[in-house]
Amino acid sequence: MKRAYVNKVTGERYELVPMCPMCRAPIYWSLISGKPGASAPAHCANNGSATRIIIDPRNIFICDWEGTVVRMPDGDVRVYNEDNRLVPHRVVRKRYPLP
């Protein structure tokens, strides 16, 4: 799922991870099948069906975004909205030492 890019000069590794198009939270899914074309439901981390610890119920935020994940022929997983458009991605930067 993660698309990684490496800066060859600095050794920094940039990863793109999908985020909720409505609230920018992480997206959760479970796709067990490795067959190309297999799909499964996906939902926002702030969805009411997501498991989480609620510390202050007065300040809870609920996002009702739901989508679908599809296994591609190369083994990658892509996350789609209900209208079959890809969701946006967020850049996550991790530093690794140069070999």
C-alpha atoms as a PDB file:
ATOM      1  CA  MET A   1       0.000   0.000   0.000  1.00  0.00           C
ATOM      2  CA  LYS A   2       2.754   2.418   0.847  1.00  0.00           C
ATOM      3  CA  ARG A   3       4.464   4.026  -2.080  1.00  0.00           C
ATOM      4  CA  ALA A   4       8.059   4.828  -1.142  1.00  0.00           C
ATOM      5  CA  TYR A   5      10.383   7.307  -2.767  1.00  0.00           C
ATOM      6  CA  VAL A   6      14.033   7.696  -1.774  1.00  0.00           C
ATOM      7  CA  ASN A   7      16.104  10.849  -2.136  1.00  0.00           C
ATOM      8  CA  LYS A   8      19.414   9.430  -3.399  1.00  0.00           C
ATOM      9  CA  VAL A   9      21.441  12.405  -2.142  1.00  0.00           C
ATOM     10  CA  THR A  10      20.192  12.644   1.456  1.00  0.00           C
ATOM     11  CA  GLY A  11      18.890   9.097   1.968  1.00  0.00           C
ATOM     12  CA  GLU A  12      15.520  10.371   3.163  1.00  0.00           C
ATOM     13  CA  ARG A  13      12.607   8.105   2.434  1.00  0.00           C
ATOM     14  CA  TYR A  14       9.228   9.575   1.619  1.00  0.00           C
ATOM     15  CA  GLU A  15       6.140   7.408   1.883  1.00  0.00           C
ATOM     16  CA  LEU A  16       2.652   8.223   0.636  1.00  0.00           C
ATOM     17  CA  VAL A  17      -0.199   6.873   2.760  1.00  0.00           C
ATOM     18  CA  PRO A  18      -3.925   7.339   2.028  1.00  0.00           C
ATOM     19  CA  MET A  19      -5.980   9.741   4.130  1.00  0.00           C
ATOM     20  CA  CYS A  20      -9.667  10.449   4.547  1.00  0.00           C
ATOM     21  CA  PRO A  21     -10.774  13.031   1.981  1.00  0.00           C
ATOM     22  CA  MET A  22     -13.233  14.552   4.481  1.00  0.00           C
ATOM     23  CA  CYS A  23     -11.196  14.937   7.699  1.00  0.00           C
ATOM     24  CA  ARG A  24      -7.607  13.906   6.749  1.00  0.00           C
ATOM     25  CA  ALA A  25      -7.540  11.026   9.279  1.00  0.00           C
ATOM     26  CA  PRO A  26      -5.992   7.609   8.494  1.00  0.00           C
ATOM     27  CA  ILE A  27      -8.052   5.034   6.609  1.00  0.00           C
ATOM     28  CA  TYR A  28      -8.635   1.538   8.003  1.00  0.00           C
ATOM     29  CA  TRP A  29      -9.394  -1.600   6.017  1.00  0.00           C
ATOM     30  CA  SER A  30      -8.818  -5.331   6.034  1.00  0.00           C
ATOM     31  CA  LEU A  31      -8.223  -7.040   2.682  1.00  0.00           C
ATOM     32  CA  ILE A  32      -7.265 -10.672   3.215  1.00  0.00           C
ATOM     33  CA  SER A  33      -7.383 -11.890  -0.381  1.00  0.00           C
ATOM     34  CA  GLY A  34      -4.258 -11.551  -2.490  1.00  0.00           C
ATOM     35  CA  LYS A  35      -6.111 -12.077  -5.770  1.00  0.00           C
ATOM     36  CA  PRO A  36      -6.102  -9.179  -8.252  1.00  0.00           C
ATOM     37  CA  GLY A  37      -9.464  -7.418  -8.306  1.00  0.00           C
ATOM     38  CA  ALA A  38     -10.411  -8.446  -4.757  1.00  0.00           C
ATOM     39  CA  SER A  39     -12.107  -5.662  -2.818  1.00  0.00           C
ATOM     40  CA  ALA A  40     -13.115  -4.850   0.741  1.00  0.00           C
ATOM     41  CA  PRO A  41     -14.789  -1.958   2.572  1.00  0.00           C
ATOM     42  CA  ALA A  42     -12.700   0.855   4.030  1.00  0.00           C
ATOM     43  CA  HIS A  43     -13.600   3.526   6.577  1.00  0.00           C
ATOM     44  CA  CYS A  44     -12.150   6.598   8.230  1.00  0.00           C
ATOM     45  CA  ALA A  45     -10.396   6.267  11.585  1.00  0.00           C
ATOM     46  CA  ASN A  46     -12.964   8.754  12.959  1.00  0.00           C
ATOM     47  CA  ASN A  47     -15.906   6.640  11.771  1.00  0.00           C
ATOM     48  CA  GLY A  48     -18.401   5.422  14.345  1.00  0.00           C
ATOM     49  CA  SER A  49     -17.530   1.809  13.443  1.00  0.00           C
ATOM     50  CA  ALA A  50     -13.810   2.331  14.129  1.00  0.00           C
ATOM     51  CA  THR A  51     -12.495   0.935  17.388  1.00  0.00           C
ATOM     52  CA  ARG A  52     -10.966   3.652  19.542  1.00  0.00           C
ATOM     53  CA  ILE A  53     -10.646   4.827  23.118  1.00  0.00           C
ATOM     54  CA  ILE A  54     -12.924   7.775  23.862  1.00  0.00           C
ATOM     55  CA  ILE A  55     -11.496   9.900  26.657  1.00  0.00           C
ATOM     56  CA  ASP A  56     -13.827  12.903  26.433  1.00  0.00           C
ATOM     57  CA  PRO A  57     -17.231  12.092  24.856  1.00  0.00           C
ATOM     58  CA  ARG A  58     -18.107  15.803  24.597  1.00  0.00           C
ATOM     59  CA  ASN A  59     -15.265  16.434  22.127  1.00  0.00           C
ATOM     60  CA  ILE A  60     -15.659  13.345  19.971  1.00  0.00           C
ATOM     61  CA  PHE A  61     -15.481  13.839  16.203  1.00  0.00           C
ATOM     62  CA  ILE A  62     -17.378  11.467  13.928  1.00  0.00           C
ATOM     63  CA  CYS A  63     -16.644  11.210  10.194  1.00  0.00           C
ATOM     64  CA  ASP A  64     -18.970   9.088   8.079  1.00  0.00           C
ATOM     65  CA  TRP A  65     -16.636   8.567   5.091  1.00  0.00           C
ATOM     66  CA  GLU A  66     -16.589   5.048   3.685  1.00  0.00           C
ATOM     67  CA  GLY A  67     -14.909   3.683   0.585  1.00  0.00           C
ATOM     68  CA  THR A  68     -13.474   0.586  -1.018  1.00  0.00           C
ATOM     69  CA  VAL A  69     -10.009  -0.933  -1.342  1.00  0.00           C
ATOM     70  CA  VAL A  70      -9.074  -2.944  -4.424  1.00  0.00           C
ATOM     71  CA  ARG A  71      -6.084  -5.262  -4.932  1.00  0.00           C
ATOM     72  CA  MET A  72      -4.171  -4.402  -8.123  1.00  0.00           C
ATOM     73  CA  PRO A  73      -2.441  -7.009 -10.374  1.00  0.00           C
ATOM     74  CA  ASP A  74       0.987  -5.925  -9.043  1.00  0.00           C
ATOM     75  CA  GLY A  75      -0.123  -6.634  -5.445  1.00  0.00           C
ATOM     76  CA  ASP A  76      -0.620  -2.965  -4.520  1.00  0.00           C
ATOM     77  CA  VAL A  77      -3.819  -1.885  -2.759  1.00  0.00           C
ATOM     78  CA  ARG A  78      -5.655   1.262  -3.827  1.00  0.00           C
ATOM     79  CA  VAL A  79      -8.299   3.115  -1.840  1.00  0.00           C
ATOM     80  CA  TYR A  80     -11.298   4.572  -3.683  1.00  0.00           C
ATOM     81  CA  ASN A  81     -14.189   6.877  -2.751  1.00  0.00           C
ATOM     82  CA  GLU A  82     -17.757   5.764  -3.341  1.00  0.00           C
ATOM     83  CA  ASP A  83     -17.603   7.572  -6.712  1.00  0.00           C
ATOM     84  CA  ASN A  84     -14.572   5.430  -7.786  1.00  0.00           C
ATOM     85  CA  ARG A  85     -11.978   8.204  -7.464  1.00  0.00           C
ATOM     86  CA  LEU A  86      -8.678   7.612  -5.666  1.00  0.00           C
ATOM     87  CA  VAL A  87      -8.394   9.167  -2.221  1.00  0.00           C
ATOM     88  CA  PRO A  88      -5.669  11.753  -1.548  1.00  0.00           C
ATOM     89  CA  HIS A  89      -2.370  10.719   0.021  1.00  0.00           C
ATOM     90  CA  ARG A  90      -0.283  12.244   2.779  1.00  0.00           C
ATOM     91  CA  VAL A  91       3.512  12.370   2.740  1.00  0.00           C
ATOM     92  CA  VAL A  92       5.235  10.644   5.647  1.00  0.00           C
ATOM     93  CA  ARG A  93       8.965  11.264   5.912  1.00  0.00           C
ATOM     94  CA  LYS A  94      11.275   8.785   7.621  1.00  0.00           C
ATOM     95  CA  ARG A  95      15.041   9.117   7.800  1.00  0.00           C
ATOM     96  CA  TYR A  96      17.289   6.164   7.122  1.00  0.00           C
ATOM     97  CA  PRO A  97      21.086   6.224   7.107  1.00  0.00           C
ATOM     98  CA  LEU A  98      22.839   5.960   3.776  1.00  0.00           C
ATOM     99  CA  PRO A  99      24.219   2.468   3.095  1.00  0.00           C
END
